Amino acid sequence: GSLPKWVVNRVSQFVAPKAMKKIYKAGLKYPEWKRRHDPEYKPWVYPEQNTLPSVSLAELSLQHAESLENIDETGLSE
């Protein structure tokens, strides 16, 4: 299901602005935090620093919106 419109409106008016303020405050503190925590590690700038496994393009598939309604997630909670 979908959420009632009043729930979406309430979240949009109160929760979302509070979350954005927290994200903004955290962003202001990031330069100092990064200076103290491995400042040279920037895999978004230097891809050779990335230690995560790569995903083969052959493993990816195009998903169409109508197929997203029928996703089987029964095995995810195990």
Protein backbone atom coordinates (compact mmCIF):
# COMPACT_ATOMS: atom_id res chain seq x y z
CA GLY A 1 0.00 0.00 0.00
CA SER A 2 0.18 3.64 -0.23
CA LEU A 3 0.22 6.11 2.63
CA PRO A 4 -2.73 8.39 3.36
CA LYS A 5 -2.28 11.91 2.03
CA TRP A 6 -2.43 13.43 5.52
CA VAL A 7 0.55 11.31 6.59
CA VAL A 8 2.60 12.43 3.61
CA ASN A 9 1.65 16.06 4.24
CA ARG A 10 2.54 15.84 7.95
CA VAL A 11 5.91 14.26 7.20
CA SER A 12 6.61 16.86 4.52
CA GLN A 13 5.82 19.72 6.89
CA PHE A 14 7.62 18.57 10.03
CA VAL A 15 9.92 15.58 9.67
CA ALA A 16 11.59 16.51 6.38
CA PRO A 17 12.68 20.04 7.46
CA LYS A 18 14.09 18.69 10.75
CA ALA A 19 16.02 16.02 8.88
CA MET A 20 17.41 18.59 6.45
CA LYS A 21 18.59 20.79 9.35
CA LYS A 22 20.40 17.84 10.92
CA ILE A 23 22.03 16.97 7.59
CA TYR A 24 23.08 20.60 7.13
CA LYS A 25 24.63 20.76 10.62
CA ALA A 26 26.47 17.49 10.04
CA GLY A 27 27.77 18.80 6.71
CA LEU A 28 29.22 21.87 8.43
CA LYS A 29 31.21 19.62 10.76
CA TYR A 30 32.45 17.29 7.99
CA PRO A 31 35.65 19.18 6.96
CA GLU A 32 36.97 19.07 10.53
CA TRP A 33 35.95 15.43 10.96
CA LYS A 34 37.61 14.44 7.67
CA ARG A 35 40.79 16.31 8.63
CA ARG A 36 41.06 14.07 11.72
CA HIS A 37 39.94 10.80 10.04
CA ASP A 38 42.14 9.59 7.17
CA PRO A 39 42.13 12.83 5.14
CA GLU A 40 43.95 11.26 2.18
CA TYR A 41 41.36 8.51 1.72
CA LYS A 42 39.03 9.78 -1.02
CA PRO A 43 37.87 6.89 -3.22
CA TRP A 44 35.35 9.20 -4.92
CA VAL A 45 38.34 11.18 -6.23
CA TYR A 46 40.93 8.39 -6.46
CA PRO A 47 39.22 5.18 -7.70
CA GLU A 48 42.36 3.13 -7.00
CA GLN A 49 41.65 3.57 -3.27
CA ASN A 50 38.34 1.74 -3.61
CA THR A 51 38.47 -1.69 -1.95
CA LEU A 52 34.86 -2.66 -2.65
CA PRO A 53 34.24 -5.48 -5.13
CA SER A 54 33.21 -4.38 -8.61
CA VAL A 55 29.91 -5.42 -10.16
CA SER A 56 30.07 -6.92 -13.62
CA LEU A 57 27.90 -5.15 -16.18
CA ALA A 58 26.64 -8.59 -17.21
CA GLU A 59 25.07 -8.96 -13.74
CA LEU A 60 23.01 -5.79 -14.13
CA SER A 61 19.59 -5.74 -15.72
CA LEU A 62 17.19 -3.04 -16.79
CA GLN A 63 14.10 -2.82 -14.60
CA HIS A 64 10.84 -1.35 -15.80
CA ALA A 65 8.45 0.35 -13.37
CA GLU A 66 5.66 -2.18 -13.85
CA SER A 67 7.99 -5.04 -12.86
CA LEU A 68 8.83 -3.38 -9.53
CA GLU A 69 5.36 -4.17 -8.21
CA ASN A 70 6.07 -7.91 -8.32
CA ILE A 71 9.39 -8.14 -6.50
CA ASP A 72 9.66 -11.21 -4.26
CA GLU A 73 11.26 -10.14 -0.96
CA THR A 74 10.24 -13.16 1.10
CA GLY A 75 13.83 -14.40 1.52
CA LEU A 76 15.21 -11.06 2.72
CA SER A 77 14.11 -11.34 6.34
CA GLU A 78 16.11 -14.53 6.94
